[in-house]
PDB file of N, CA and C in Angstrom:
ATOM      1  N   MET A   1     107.805 137.682  66.974  1.00  0.00           N
ATOM      2  CA  MET A   1     106.921 137.232  68.072  1.00  0.00           C
ATOM      3  C   MET A   1     105.601 138.152  67.967  1.00  0.00           C
ATOM      4  N   SER A   2     104.456 137.611  68.173  1.00  0.00           N
ATOM      5  CA  SER A   2     103.242 138.344  68.067  1.00  0.00           C
ATOM      6  C   SER A   2     103.003 139.050  69.431  1.00  0.00           C
ATOM      7  N   TYR A   3     102.238 140.065  69.410  1.00  0.00           N
ATOM      8  CA  TYR A   3     101.933 140.881  70.597  1.00  0.00           C
ATOM      9  C   TYR A   3     100.542 140.452  71.190  1.00  0.00           C
ATOM     10  N   TYR A   4      99.954 139.333  70.615  1.00  0.00           N
ATOM     11  CA  TYR A   4      98.775 138.909  71.035  1.00  0.00           C
ATOM     12  C   TYR A   4      98.576 137.362  70.943  1.00  0.00           C
ATOM     13  N   ILE A   5      97.562 136.881  71.655  1.00  0.00           N
ATOM     14  CA  ILE A   5      97.222 135.414  71.631  1.00  0.00           C
ATOM     15  C   ILE A   5      95.773 135.398  71.009  1.00  0.00           C
ATOM     16  N   SER A   6      95.469 134.475  70.165  1.00  0.00           N
ATOM     17  CA  SER A   6      94.274 134.538  69.428  1.00  0.00           C
ATOM     18  C   SER A   6      93.670 133.139  69.087  1.00  0.00           C
ATOM     19  N   LYS A   7      92.411 133.149  68.927  1.00  0.00           N
ATOM     20  CA  LYS A   7      91.692 131.913  68.584  1.00  0.00           C
ATOM     21  C   LYS A   7      90.472 132.233  67.855  1.00  0.00           C
ATOM     22  N   LYS A   8      90.210 131.454  66.749  1.00  0.00           N
ATOM     23  CA  LYS A   8      88.955 131.510  66.051  1.00  0.00           C
ATOM     24  C   LYS A   8      87.975 130.559  66.745  1.00  0.00           C
ATOM     25  N   VAL A   9      86.753 131.004  66.951  1.00  0.00           N
ATOM     26  CA  VAL A   9      85.754 130.177  67.701  1.00  0.00           C
ATOM     27  C   VAL A   9      84.526 130.000  66.810  1.00  0.00           C
ATOM     28  N   ASN A  10      83.857 128.857  67.152  1.00  0.00           N
ATOM     29  CA  ASN A  10      82.632 128.526  66.354  1.00  0.00           C
ATOM     30  C   ASN A  10      81.390 128.969  67.156  1.00  0.00           C
ATOM     31  N   TYR A  11      81.312 130.136  67.542  1.00  0.00           N
ATOM     32  CA  TYR A  11      80.109 130.693  68.257  1.00  0.00           C
ATOM     33  C   TYR A  11      79.604 131.970  67.463  1.00  0.00           C
ATOM     34  N   SER A  12      78.489 132.318  67.856  1.00  0.00           N
ATOM     35  CA  SER A  12      77.987 133.669  67.348  1.00  0.00           C
ATOM     36  C   SER A  12      78.841 134.705  68.006  1.00  0.00           C
ATOM     37  N   TYR A  13      78.726 135.915  67.490  1.00  0.00           N
ATOM     38  CA  TYR A  13      79.431 136.991  68.090  1.00  0.00           C
ATOM     39  C   TYR A  13      79.045 137.180  69.582  1.00  0.00           C
ATOM     40  N   LEU A  14      77.698 137.314  69.859  1.00  0.00           N
ATOM     41  CA  LEU A  14      77.242 137.517  71.258  1.00  0.00           C
ATOM     42  C   LEU A  14      77.545 136.300  72.147  1.00  0.00           C
ATOM     43  N   GLU A  15      77.517 135.080  71.617  1.00  0.00           N
ATOM     44  CA  GLU A  15      77.879 133.967  72.434  1.00  0.00           C
ATOM     45  C   GLU A  15      79.288 133.931  72.716  1.00  0.00           C
ATOM     46  N   ALA A  16      80.144 134.377  71.718  1.00  0.00           N
ATOM     47  CA  ALA A  16      81.674 134.461  71.936  1.00  0.00           C
ATOM     48  C   ALA A  16      82.034 135.427  73.091  1.00  0.00           C
ATOM     49  N   ILE A  17      81.249 136.546  73.104  1.00  0.00           N
ATOM     50  CA  ILE A  17      81.465 137.542  74.233  1.00  0.00           C
ATOM     51  C   ILE A  17      81.190 136.937  75.516  1.00  0.00           C
ATOM     52  N   GLU A  18      80.034 136.265  75.594  1.00  0.00           N
ATOM     53  CA  GLU A  18      79.672 135.686  76.878  1.00  0.00           C
ATOM     54  C   GLU A  18      80.540 134.571  77.360  1.00  0.00           C
ATOM     55  N   LYS A  19      80.985 133.748  76.398  1.00  0.00           N
ATOM     56  CA  LYS A  19      81.872 132.595  76.736  1.00  0.00           C
ATOM     57  C   LYS A  19      83.288 133.087  77.050  1.00  0.00           C
ATOM     58  N   THR A  20      83.691 134.236  76.463  1.00  0.00           N
ATOM     59  CA  THR A  20      84.987 134.812  76.718  1.00  0.00           C
ATOM     60  C   THR A  20      85.005 135.326  78.111  1.00  0.00           C
ATOM     61  N   LYS A  21      83.946 136.054  78.541  1.00  0.00           N
ATOM     62  CA  LYS A  21      83.901 136.611  79.819  1.00  0.00           C
ATOM     63  C   LYS A  21      83.848 135.513  80.830  1.00  0.00           C
ATOM     64  N   ALA A  22      83.102 134.398  80.566  1.00  0.00           N
ATOM     65  CA  ALA A  22      83.045 133.259  81.560  1.00  0.00           C
ATOM     66  C   ALA A  22      84.441 132.650  81.662  1.00  0.00           C
ATOM     67  N   SER A  23      85.125 132.389  80.571  1.00  0.00           N
ATOM     68  CA  SER A  23      86.483 131.790  80.575  1.00  0.00           C
ATOM     69  C   SER A  23      87.451 132.626  81.259  1.00  0.00           C
ATOM     70  N   LEU A  24      87.291 133.914  81.120  1.00  0.00           N
ATOM     71  CA  LEU A  24      88.236 134.853  81.826  1.00  0.00           C
ATOM     72  C   LEU A  24      87.878 134.793  83.336  1.00  0.00           C
ATOM     73  N   LYS A  25      86.648 134.721  83.716  1.00  0.00           N
ATOM     74  CA  LYS A  25      86.328 134.661  85.075  1.00  0.00           C
ATOM     75  C   LYS A  25      86.886 133.426  85.774  1.00  0.00           C
ATOM     76  N   GLU A  26      86.843 132.305  85.093  1.00  0.00           N
ATOM     77  CA  GLU A  26      87.449 131.055  85.564  1.00  0.00           C
ATOM     78  C   GLU A  26      88.938 131.189  85.820  1.00  0.00           C
ATOM     79  N   GLN A  27      89.543 132.056  85.245  1.00  0.00           N
ATOM     80  CA  GLN A  27      90.933 132.287  85.463  1.00  0.00           C
ATOM     81  C   GLN A  27      91.253 133.526  86.363  1.00  0.00           C
ATOM     82  N   GLY A  28      90.215 134.029  86.948  1.00  0.00           N
ATOM     83  CA  GLY A  28      90.395 135.116  88.016  1.00  0.00           C
ATOM     84  C   GLY A  28      90.198 136.429  87.538  1.00  0.00           C
ATOM     85  N   PHE A  29      89.799 136.710  86.210  1.00  0.00           N
ATOM     86  CA  PHE A  29      89.651 138.020  85.701  1.00  0.00           C
ATOM     87  C   PHE A  29      88.144 138.461  85.639  1.00  0.00           C
ATOM     88  N   GLY A  30      87.940 139.785  85.938  1.00  0.00           N
ATOM     89  CA  GLY A  30      86.730 140.341  85.777  1.00  0.00           C
ATOM     90  C   GLY A  30      86.786 141.360  84.586  1.00  0.00           C
ATOM     91  N   ILE A  31      85.749 141.761  84.102  1.00  0.00           N
ATOM     92  CA  ILE A  31      85.626 142.765  83.014  1.00  0.00           C
ATOM     93  C   ILE A  31      85.351 144.108  83.642  1.00  0.00           C
ATOM     94  N   VAL A  32      86.320 145.034  83.537  1.00  0.00           N
ATOM     95  CA  VAL A  32      86.052 146.364  84.089  1.00  0.00           C
ATOM     96  C   VAL A  32      85.647 147.387  83.065  1.00  0.00           C
ATOM     97  N   THR A  33      85.908 147.179  81.748  1.00  0.00           N
ATOM     98  CA  THR A  33      85.444 148.054  80.734  1.00  0.00           C
ATOM     99  C   THR A  33      84.995 147.238  79.523  1.00  0.00           C
ATOM    100  N   GLU A  34      84.070 147.828  78.816  1.00  0.00           N
ATOM    101  CA  GLU A  34      83.533 147.312  77.575  1.00  0.00           C
ATOM    102  C   GLU A  34      83.466 148.407  76.497  1.00  0.00           C
ATOM    103  N   ILE A  35      84.069 148.294  75.434  1.00  0.00           N
ATOM    104  CA  ILE A  35      83.949 149.266  74.449  1.00  0.00           C
ATOM    105  C   ILE A  35      83.474 148.704  73.107  1.00  0.00           C
ATOM    106  N   ASP A  36      82.248 149.024  72.652  1.00  0.00           N
ATOM    107  CA  ASP A  36      81.637 148.532  71.465  1.00  0.00           C
ATOM    108  C   ASP A  36      82.183 149.357  70.303  1.00  0.00           C
ATOM    109  N   MET A  37      83.294 148.934  69.685  1.00  0.00           N
ATOM    110  CA  MET A  37      83.861 149.760  68.724  1.00  0.00           C
ATOM    111  C   MET A  37      82.919 149.955  67.475  1.00  0.00           C
ATOM    112  N   GLN A  38      82.110 149.037  67.170  1.00  0.00           N
ATOM    113  CA  GLN A  38      81.153 149.166  66.045  1.00  0.00           C
ATOM    114  C   GLN A  38      80.257 150.353  66.344  1.00  0.00           C
ATOM    115  N   ALA A  39      79.676 150.355  67.571  1.00  0.00           N
ATOM    116  CA  ALA A  39      78.702 151.529  67.850  1.00  0.00           C
ATOM    117  C   ALA A  39      79.493 152.824  68.028  1.00  0.00           C
ATOM    118  N   VAL A  40      80.691 152.844  68.642  1.00  0.00           N
ATOM    119  CA  VAL A  40      81.441 154.061  68.857  1.00  0.00           C
ATOM    120  C   VAL A  40      81.701 154.685  67.462  1.00  0.00           C
ATOM    121  N   LEU A  41      82.272 153.916  66.582  1.00  0.00           N
ATOM    122  CA  LEU A  41      82.724 154.517  65.244  1.00  0.00           C
ATOM    123  C   LEU A  41      81.487 154.992  64.450  1.00  0.00           C
ATOM    124  N   LYS A  42      80.308 154.176  64.536  1.00  0.00           N
ATOM    125  CA  LYS A  42      79.165 154.649  63.888  1.00  0.00           C
ATOM    126  C   LYS A  42      78.688 155.966  64.432  1.00  0.00           C
ATOM    127  N   THR A  43      78.574 156.025  65.704  1.00  0.00           N
ATOM    128  CA  THR A  43      78.119 157.286  66.471  1.00  0.00           C
ATOM    129  C   THR A  43      79.057 158.472  66.211  1.00  0.00           C
ATOM    130  N   LYS A  44      80.355 158.252  66.343  1.00  0.00           N
ATOM    131  CA  LYS A  44      81.241 159.366  66.367  1.00  0.00           C
ATOM    132  C   LYS A  44      81.627 159.785  64.956  1.00  0.00           C
ATOM    133  N   ILE A  45      81.808 158.972  64.009  1.00  0.00           N
ATOM    134  CA  ILE A  45      82.245 159.366  62.645  1.00  0.00           C
ATOM    135  C   ILE A  45      81.440 158.715  61.533  1.00  0.00           C
ATOM    136  N   ASP A  46      80.302 158.146  61.922  1.00  0.00           N
ATOM    137  CA  ASP A  46      79.331 157.539  60.914  1.00  0.00           C
ATOM    138  C   ASP A  46      80.059 156.521  59.940  1.00  0.00           C
ATOM    139  N   LYS A  47      80.912 155.681  60.526  1.00  0.00           N
ATOM    140  CA  LYS A  47      81.571 154.555  59.780  1.00  0.00           C
ATOM    141  C   LYS A  47      81.168 153.286  60.312  1.00  0.00           C
ATOM    142  N   ASP A  48      81.030 152.376  59.365  1.00  0.00           N
ATOM    143  CA  ASP A  48      80.568 151.010  59.669  1.00  0.00           C
ATOM    144  C   ASP A  48      81.759 150.032  59.681  1.00  0.00           C
ATOM    145  N   ILE A  49      81.779 149.195  60.729  1.00  0.00           N
ATOM    146  CA  ILE A  49      82.715 148.196  60.754  1.00  0.00           C
ATOM    147  C   ILE A  49      82.020 146.919  61.248  1.00  0.00           C
ATOM    148  N   SER A  50      82.618 145.698  61.083  1.00  0.00           N
ATOM    149  CA  SER A  50      82.004 144.432  61.599  1.00  0.00           C
ATOM    150  C   SER A  50      81.918 144.527  63.110  1.00  0.00           C
ATOM    151  N   PRO A  51      81.087 143.722  63.682  1.00  0.00           N
ATOM    152  CA  PRO A  51      81.027 143.669  65.198  1.00  0.00           C
ATOM    153  C   PRO A  51      82.486 143.540  65.858  1.00  0.00           C
ATOM    154  N   TYR A  52      82.678 144.372  66.826  1.00  0.00           N
ATOM    155  CA  TYR A  52      84.071 144.460  67.348  1.00  0.00           C
ATOM    156  C   TYR A  52      83.914 145.001  68.808  1.00  0.00           C
ATOM    157  N   ILE A  53      84.286 144.329  69.809  1.00  0.00           N
ATOM    158  CA  ILE A  53      84.181 144.781  71.154  1.00  0.00           C
ATOM    159  C   ILE A  53      85.619 144.610  71.834  1.00  0.00           C
ATOM    160  N   ILE A  54      85.985 145.574  72.713  1.00  0.00           N
ATOM    161  CA  ILE A  54      87.119 145.475  73.403  1.00  0.00           C
ATOM    162  C   ILE A  54      86.641 145.325  74.893  1.00  0.00           C
ATOM    163  N   LEU A  55      87.133 144.210  75.565  1.00  0.00           N
ATOM    164  CA  LEU A  55      86.865 143.975  76.942  1.00  0.00           C
ATOM    165  C   LEU A  55      88.096 144.228  77.763  1.00  0.00           C
ATOM    166  N   GLY A  56      87.954 145.032  78.803  1.00  0.00           N
ATOM    167  CA  GLY A  56      89.150 145.347  79.635  1.00  0.00           C
ATOM    168  C   GLY A  56      89.047 144.322  80.786  1.00  0.00           C
ATOM    169  N   ALA A  57      89.987 143.280  80.764  1.00  0.00           N
ATOM    170  CA  ALA A  57      90.008 142.260  81.782  1.00  0.00           C
ATOM    171  C   ALA A  57      90.960 142.666  82.885  1.00  0.00           C
ATOM    172  N   CYS A  58      90.682 142.343  84.140  1.00  0.00           N
ATOM    173  CA  CYS A  58      91.460 142.761  85.204  1.00  0.00           C
ATOM    174  C   CYS A  58      91.400 141.593  86.335  1.00  0.00           C
ATOM    175  N   ASN A  59      92.616 141.235  86.762  1.00  0.00           N
ATOM    176  CA  ASN A  59      92.683 140.345  87.906  1.00  0.00           C
ATOM    177  C   ASN A  59      93.172 141.265  89.050  1.00  0.00           C
ATOM    178  N   PRO A  60      92.381 141.591  90.019  1.00  0.00           N
ATOM    179  CA  PRO A  60      92.708 142.536  91.072  1.00  0.00           C
ATOM    180  C   PRO A  60      94.082 142.281  91.729  1.00  0.00           C
ATOM    181  N   ASN A  61      94.311 141.061  91.993  1.00  0.00           N
ATOM    182  CA  ASN A  61      95.634 140.750  92.721  1.00  0.00           C
ATOM    183  C   ASN A  61      96.781 141.033  91.864  1.00  0.00           C
ATOM    184  N   TYR A  62      96.762 140.707  90.626  1.00  0.00           N
ATOM    185  CA  TYR A  62      97.841 141.125  89.722  1.00  0.00           C
ATOM    186  C   TYR A  62      97.945 142.618  89.520  1.00  0.00           C
ATOM    187  N   ALA A  63      96.752 143.206  89.318  1.00  0.00           N
ATOM    188  CA  ALA A  63      96.714 144.731  89.172  1.00  0.00           C
ATOM    189  C   ALA A  63      97.357 145.442  90.445  1.00  0.00           C
ATOM    190  N   TYR A  64      97.039 144.980  91.556  1.00  0.00           N
ATOM    191  CA  TYR A  64      97.546 145.497  92.803  1.00  0.00           C
ATOM    192  C   TYR A  64      99.116 145.303  92.796  1.00  0.00           C
ATOM    193  N   HIS A  65      99.627 144.259  92.482  1.00  0.00           N
ATOM    194  CA  HIS A  65     101.047 143.935  92.419  1.00  0.00           C
ATOM    195  C   HIS A  65     101.643 144.889  91.411  1.00  0.00           C
ATOM    196  N   ALA A  66     101.063 144.971  90.228  1.00  0.00           N
ATOM    197  CA  ALA A  66     101.653 145.853  89.223  1.00  0.00           C
ATOM    198  C   ALA A  66     101.735 147.306  89.636  1.00  0.00           C
ATOM    199  N   VAL A  67     100.660 147.777  90.240  1.00  0.00           N
ATOM    200  CA  VAL A  67     100.606 149.209  90.642  1.00  0.00           C
ATOM    201  C   VAL A  67     101.613 149.458  91.803  1.00  0.00           C
ATOM    202  N   GLN A  68     101.825 148.490  92.626  1.00  0.00           N
ATOM    203  CA  GLN A  68     102.822 148.571  93.720  1.00  0.00           C
ATOM    204  C   GLN A  68     104.280 148.527  93.131  1.00  0.00           C
ATOM    205  N   THR A  69     104.463 147.915  92.032  1.00  0.00           N
ATOM    206  CA  THR A  69     105.783 147.729  91.458  1.00  0.00           C
ATOM    207  C   THR A  69     106.144 148.849  90.503  1.00  0.00           C
ATOM    208  N   GLU A  70     105.215 149.361  89.769  1.00  0.00           N
ATOM    209  CA  GLU A  70     105.408 150.392  88.800  1.00  0.00           C
ATOM    210  C   GLU A  70     104.260 151.373  88.841  1.00  0.00           C
ATOM    211  N   GLU A  71     104.425 152.516  89.357  1.00  0.00           N
ATOM    212  CA  GLU A  71     103.368 153.487  89.668  1.00  0.00           C
ATOM    213  C   GLU A  71     102.533 153.977  88.494  1.00  0.00           C
ATOM    214  N   ASN A  72     103.116 154.007  87.245  1.00  0.00           N
ATOM    215  CA  ASN A  72     102.398 154.459  86.124  1.00  0.00           C
ATOM    216  C   ASN A  72     101.885 153.258  85.168  1.00  0.00           C
ATOM    217  N   ILE A  73     101.928 152.046  85.789  1.00  0.00           N
ATOM    218  CA  ILE A  73     101.606 150.843  84.991  1.00  0.00           C
ATOM    219  C   ILE A  73     100.160 150.900  84.573  1.00  0.00           C
ATOM    220  N   GLY A  74      99.324 151.788  85.218  1.00  0.00           N
ATOM    221  CA  GLY A  74      97.896 151.937  84.743  1.00  0.00           C
ATOM    222  C   GLY A  74      97.710 152.275  83.319  1.00  0.00           C
ATOM    223  N   LEU A  75      98.893 152.846  82.795  1.00  0.00           N
ATOM    224  CA  LEU A  75      98.798 153.106  81.368  1.00  0.00           C
ATOM    225  C   LEU A  75      98.738 151.869  80.421  1.00  0.00           C
ATOM    226  N   MET A  76      99.147 150.813  80.990  1.00  0.00           N
ATOM    227  CA  MET A  76      99.102 149.505  80.332  1.00  0.00           C
ATOM    228  C   MET A  76      98.075 148.524  80.738  1.00  0.00           C
ATOM    229  N   LEU A  77      97.227 148.997  81.655  1.00  0.00           N
ATOM    230  CA  LEU A  77      96.139 148.082  82.236  1.00  0.00           C
ATOM    231  C   LEU A  77      94.745 148.710  81.792  1.00  0.00           C
ATOM    232  N   PRO A  78      93.823 147.856  81.809  1.00  0.00           N
ATOM    233  CA  PRO A  78      93.652 146.468  82.068  1.00  0.00           C
ATOM    234  C   PRO A  78      94.223 145.616  80.752  1.00  0.00           C
ATOM    235  N   CYS A  79      94.193 144.399  80.855  1.00  0.00           N
ATOM    236  CA  CYS A  79      94.519 143.512  79.782  1.00  0.00           C
ATOM    237  C   CYS A  79      93.357 143.542  78.711  1.00  0.00           C
ATOM    238  N   ASN A  80      93.576 144.002  77.548  1.00  0.00           N
ATOM    239  CA  ASN A  80      92.590 144.149  76.521  1.00  0.00           C
ATOM    240  C   ASN A  80      92.403 142.800  75.837  1.00  0.00           C
ATOM    241  N   VAL A  81      91.066 142.516  75.644  1.00  0.00           N
ATOM    242  CA  VAL A  81      90.619 141.297  74.964  1.00  0.00           C
ATOM    243  C   VAL A  81      89.674 141.839  73.904  1.00  0.00           C
ATOM    244  N   VAL A  82      89.910 141.375  72.680  1.00  0.00           N
ATOM    245  CA  VAL A  82      89.060 141.742  71.492  1.00  0.00           C
ATOM    246  C   VAL A  82      88.224 140.588  71.057  1.00  0.00           C
ATOM    247  N   VAL A  83      86.961 140.772  70.959  1.00  0.00           N
ATOM    248  CA  VAL A  83      86.065 139.779  70.204  1.00  0.00           C
ATOM    249  C   VAL A  83      85.590 140.498  68.994  1.00  0.00           C
ATOM    250  N   ARG A  84      85.828 139.900  67.898  1.00  0.00           N
ATOM    251  CA  ARG A  84      85.424 140.669  66.613  1.00  0.00           C
ATOM    252  C   ARG A  84      85.067 139.595  65.541  1.00  0.00           C
ATOM    253  N   GLN A  85      84.191 140.107  64.684  1.00  0.00           N
ATOM    254  CA  GLN A  85      83.774 139.243  63.546  1.00  0.00           C
ATOM    255  C   GLN A  85      84.624 139.752  62.363  1.00  0.00           C
ATOM    256  N   ASP A  86      85.375 138.736  61.780  1.00  0.00           N
ATOM    257  CA  ASP A  86      86.286 139.173  60.685  1.00  0.00           C
ATOM    258  C   ASP A  86      85.498 139.148  59.360  1.00  0.00           C
ATOM    259  N   ASN A  87      86.218 139.480  58.294  1.00  0.00           N
ATOM    260  CA  ASN A  87      85.516 139.727  56.990  1.00  0.00           C
ATOM    261  C   ASN A  87      84.774 138.523  56.463  1.00  0.00           C
ATOM    262  N   ASP A  88      85.191 137.265  56.793  1.00  0.00           N
ATOM    263  CA  ASP A  88      84.522 136.124  56.365  1.00  0.00           C
ATOM    264  C   ASP A  88      83.415 135.660  57.299  1.00  0.00           C
ATOM    265  N   GLY A  89      83.107 136.467  58.290  1.00  0.00           N
ATOM    266  CA  GLY A  89      82.020 136.165  59.214  1.00  0.00           C
ATOM    267  C   GLY A  89      82.416 135.284  60.392  1.00  0.00           C
ATOM    268  N   LYS A  90      83.623 134.911  60.487  1.00  0.00           N
ATOM    269  CA  LYS A  90      84.151 134.059  61.598  1.00  0.00           C
ATOM    270  C   LYS A  90      84.422 135.003  62.753  1.00  0.00           C
ATOM    271  N   ILE A  91      84.295 134.412  63.907  1.00  0.00           N
ATOM    272  CA  ILE A  91      84.607 135.173  65.158  1.00  0.00           C
ATOM    273  C   ILE A  91      85.993 134.900  65.676  1.00  0.00           C
ATOM    274  N   ASP A  92      86.723 135.991  66.050  1.00  0.00           N
ATOM    275  CA  ASP A  92      88.125 135.876  66.416  1.00  0.00           C
ATOM    276  C   ASP A  92      88.126 136.401  67.863  1.00  0.00           C
ATOM    277  N   VAL A  93      88.797 135.846  68.782  1.00  0.00           N
ATOM    278  CA  VAL A  93      89.017 136.316  70.144  1.00  0.00           C
ATOM    279  C   VAL A  93      90.498 136.440  70.358  1.00  0.00           C
ATOM    280  N   SER A  94      90.926 137.598  70.664  1.00  0.00           N
ATOM    281  CA  SER A  94      92.359 137.925  70.925  1.00  0.00           C
ATOM    282  C   SER A  94      92.588 138.662  72.247  1.00  0.00           C
ATOM    283  N   VAL A  95      93.782 138.300  72.814  1.00  0.00           N
ATOM    284  CA  VAL A  95      94.116 138.930  74.048  1.00  0.00           C
ATOM    285  C   VAL A  95      95.578 139.413  73.943  1.00  0.00           C
ATOM    286  N   ILE A  96      95.817 140.566  74.549  1.00  0.00           N
ATOM    287  CA  ILE A  96      97.241 141.086  74.592  1.00  0.00           C
ATOM    288  C   ILE A  96      98.163 140.051  75.288  1.00  0.00           C
ATOM    289  N   ASP A  97      99.376 139.910  74.719  1.00  0.00           N
ATOM    290  CA  ASP A  97     100.374 139.090  75.474  1.00  0.00           C
ATOM    291  C   ASP A  97     101.017 139.946  76.423  1.00  0.00           C
ATOM    292  N   PRO A  98     100.874 139.716  77.729  1.00  0.00           N
ATOM    293  CA  PRO A  98     101.350 140.552  78.795  1.00  0.00           C
ATOM    294  C   PRO A  98     102.924 140.628  78.823  1.00  0.00           C
ATOM    295  N   LEU A  99     103.582 139.544  78.335  1.00  0.00           N
ATOM    296  CA  LEU A  99     104.995 139.682  78.263  1.00  0.00           C
ATOM    297  C   LEU A  99     105.492 140.696  77.267  1.00  0.00           C
ATOM    298  N   GLU A 100     104.810 140.721  76.116  1.00  0.00           N
ATOM    299  CA  GLU A 100     105.131 141.777  75.081  1.00  0.00           C
ATOM    300  C   GLU A 100     104.738 143.183  75.593  1.00  0.00           C
ATOM    301  N   ALA A 101     103.547 143.261  76.244  1.00  0.00           N
ATOM    302  CA  ALA A 101     103.089 144.596  76.673  1.00  0.00           C
ATOM    303  C   ALA A 101     104.020 145.178  77.813  1.00  0.00           C
ATOM    304  N   MET A 102     104.650 144.365  78.597  1.00  0.00           N
ATOM    305  CA  MET A 102     105.485 144.812  79.678  1.00  0.00           C
ATOM    306  C   MET A 102     106.847 145.118  79.207  1.00  0.00           C
ATOM    307  N   LYS A 103     107.328 144.685  78.070  1.00  0.00           N
ATOM    308  CA  LYS A 103     108.723 144.942  77.554  1.00  0.00           C
ATOM    309  C   LYS A 103     109.024 146.435  77.602  1.00  0.00           C
ATOM    310  N   PRO A 104     108.212 147.246  77.093  1.00  0.00           N
ATOM    311  CA  PRO A 104     108.625 148.700  77.010  1.00  0.00           C
ATOM    312  C   PRO A 104     108.778 149.286  78.432  1.00  0.00           C
ATOM    313  N   VAL A 105     108.106 148.727  79.479  1.00  0.00           N
ATOM    314  CA  VAL A 105     108.138 149.282  80.749  1.00  0.00           C
ATOM    315  C   VAL A 105     109.575 149.140  81.372  1.00  0.00           C
ATOM    316  N   GLY A 106     110.247 147.925  81.085  1.00  0.00           N
ATOM    317  CA  GLY A 106     111.544 147.748  81.515  1.00  0.00           C
ATOM    318  C   GLY A 106     111.787 147.560  83.006  1.00  0.00           C
ATOM    319  N   ASN A 107     110.786 147.066  83.678  1.00  0.00           N
ATOM    320  CA  ASN A 107     110.774 146.884  85.109  1.00  0.00           C
ATOM    321  C   ASN A 107     110.855 145.357  85.377  1.00  0.00           C
ATOM    322  N   GLU A 108     111.983 144.835  85.797  1.00  0.00           N
ATOM    323  CA  GLU A 108     112.097 143.339  86.014  1.00  0.00           C
ATOM    324  C   GLU A 108     111.202 142.824  87.056  1.00  0.00           C
ATOM    325  N   GLY A 109     110.660 143.692  87.966  1.00  0.00           N
ATOM    326  CA  GLY A 109     109.751 143.324  88.952  1.00  0.00           C
ATOM    327  C   GLY A 109     108.419 142.847  88.497  1.00  0.00           C
ATOM    328  N   LEU A 110     108.135 143.156  87.251  1.00  0.00           N
ATOM    329  CA  LEU A 110     106.906 142.785  86.612  1.00  0.00           C
ATOM    330  C   LEU A 110     106.934 141.538  85.770  1.00  0.00           C
ATOM    331  N   GLU A 111     108.160 140.988  85.529  1.00  0.00           N
ATOM    332  CA  GLU A 111     108.398 139.916  84.658  1.00  0.00           C
ATOM    333  C   GLU A 111     107.655 138.623  85.077  1.00  0.00           C
ATOM    334  N   GLU A 112     107.855 138.212  86.299  1.00  0.00           N
ATOM    335  CA  GLU A 112     107.259 136.937  86.803  1.00  0.00           C
ATOM    336  C   GLU A 112     105.760 137.040  86.766  1.00  0.00           C
ATOM    337  N   MET A 113     105.239 138.222  87.182  1.00  0.00           N
ATOM    338  CA  MET A 113     103.834 138.421  87.115  1.00  0.00           C
ATOM    339  C   MET A 113     103.299 138.339  85.670  1.00  0.00           C
ATOM    340  N   ALA A 114     104.040 138.946  84.716  1.00  0.00           N
ATOM    341  CA  ALA A 114     103.582 138.854  83.426  1.00  0.00           C
ATOM    342  C   ALA A 114     103.535 137.383  82.859  1.00  0.00           C
ATOM    343  N   PHE A 115     104.420 136.618  83.257  1.00  0.00           N
ATOM    344  CA  PHE A 115     104.441 135.203  82.978  1.00  0.00           C
ATOM    345  C   PHE A 115     103.170 134.524  83.448  1.00  0.00           C
ATOM    346  N   GLU A 116     102.786 134.778  84.697  1.00  0.00           N
ATOM    347  CA  GLU A 116     101.667 134.228  85.328  1.00  0.00           C
ATOM    348  C   GLU A 116     100.367 134.656  84.623  1.00  0.00           C
ATOM    349  N   VAL A 117     100.258 135.967  84.363  1.00  0.00           N
ATOM    350  CA  VAL A 117      99.118 136.563  83.724  1.00  0.00           C
ATOM    351  C   VAL A 117      98.964 135.900  82.325  1.00  0.00           C
ATOM    352  N   LYS A 118     100.116 135.801  81.531  1.00  0.00           N
ATOM    353  CA  LYS A 118     100.043 135.149  80.243  1.00  0.00           C
ATOM    354  C   LYS A 118      99.508 133.747  80.315  1.00  0.00           C
ATOM    355  N   ASP A 119      99.984 133.016  81.253  1.00  0.00           N
ATOM    356  CA  ASP A 119      99.562 131.632  81.459  1.00  0.00           C
ATOM    357  C   ASP A 119      98.014 131.535  81.629  1.00  0.00           C
ATOM    358  N   LYS A 120      97.461 132.431  82.457  1.00  0.00           N
ATOM    359  CA  LYS A 120      96.062 132.483  82.705  1.00  0.00           C
ATOM    360  C   LYS A 120      95.274 132.905  81.500  1.00  0.00           C
ATOM    361  N   LEU A 121      95.773 133.910  80.797  1.00  0.00           N
ATOM    362  CA  LEU A 121      95.075 134.328  79.660  1.00  0.00           C
ATOM    363  C   LEU A 121      95.107 133.340  78.496  1.00  0.00           C
ATOM    364  N   GLU A 122      96.247 132.677  78.321  1.00  0.00           N
ATOM    365  CA  GLU A 122      96.235 131.565  77.296  1.00  0.00           C
ATOM    366  C   GLU A 122      95.264 130.479  77.643  1.00  0.00           C
ATOM    367  N   LYS A 123      95.165 130.129  78.962  1.00  0.00           N
ATOM    368  CA  LYS A 123      94.173 129.086  79.355  1.00  0.00           C
ATOM    369  C   LYS A 123      92.773 129.549  79.070  1.00  0.00           C
ATOM    370  N   ALA A 124      92.456 130.861  79.329  1.00  0.00           N
ATOM    371  CA  ALA A 124      91.153 131.421  79.072  1.00  0.00           C
ATOM    372  C   ALA A 124      90.887 131.323  77.586  1.00  0.00           C
ATOM    373  N   ILE A 125      91.738 131.646  76.714  1.00  0.00           N
ATOM    374  CA  ILE A 125      91.563 131.597  75.230  1.00  0.00           C
ATOM    375  C   ILE A 125      91.463 130.153  74.800  1.00  0.00           C
ATOM    376  N   LYS A 126      92.311 129.260  75.289  1.00  0.00           N
ATOM    377  CA  LYS A 126      92.316 127.898  74.912  1.00  0.00           C
ATOM    378  C   LYS A 126      91.019 127.158  75.293  1.00  0.00           C
ATOM    379  N   ASN A 127      90.455 127.580  76.440  1.00  0.00           N
ATOM    380  CA  ASN A 127      89.218 126.902  76.852  1.00  0.00           C
ATOM    381  C   ASN A 127      87.974 127.353  76.186  1.00  0.00           C
ATOM    382  N   LEU A 128      88.096 128.353  75.191  1.00  0.00           N
ATOM    383  CA  LEU A 128      86.861 128.732  74.507  1.00  0.00           C
ATOM    384  C   LEU A 128      86.394 127.672  73.493  1.00  0.00           C
TER     385      LEU A 128
END
């Protein structure tokens, strides 16, 4: 089983980022972090990679439930979403599978929430 949900899209890189944010918003997620890996790696170690951004998506209601259920769950939050240009120039949007991400935690109180979050993230990706 894969640890992520992914879709190739026919948008430009910047368009894919904006459409991904909008699709996540429709499912109740806001973006709380953005990491431009292309810029970070160029600045920090002078290495070039294709366009690659990590969006930290958060649904406050689910985040609250998770923190109340498992105090150190912040180590696994927010839900990371990657928008990247692959080697053939196509744009790939991927999101972590929350069911897989929660397995190592071993707290059954998070399972139902993880199913719900997965459903919303799958819809967000599908709607791109």
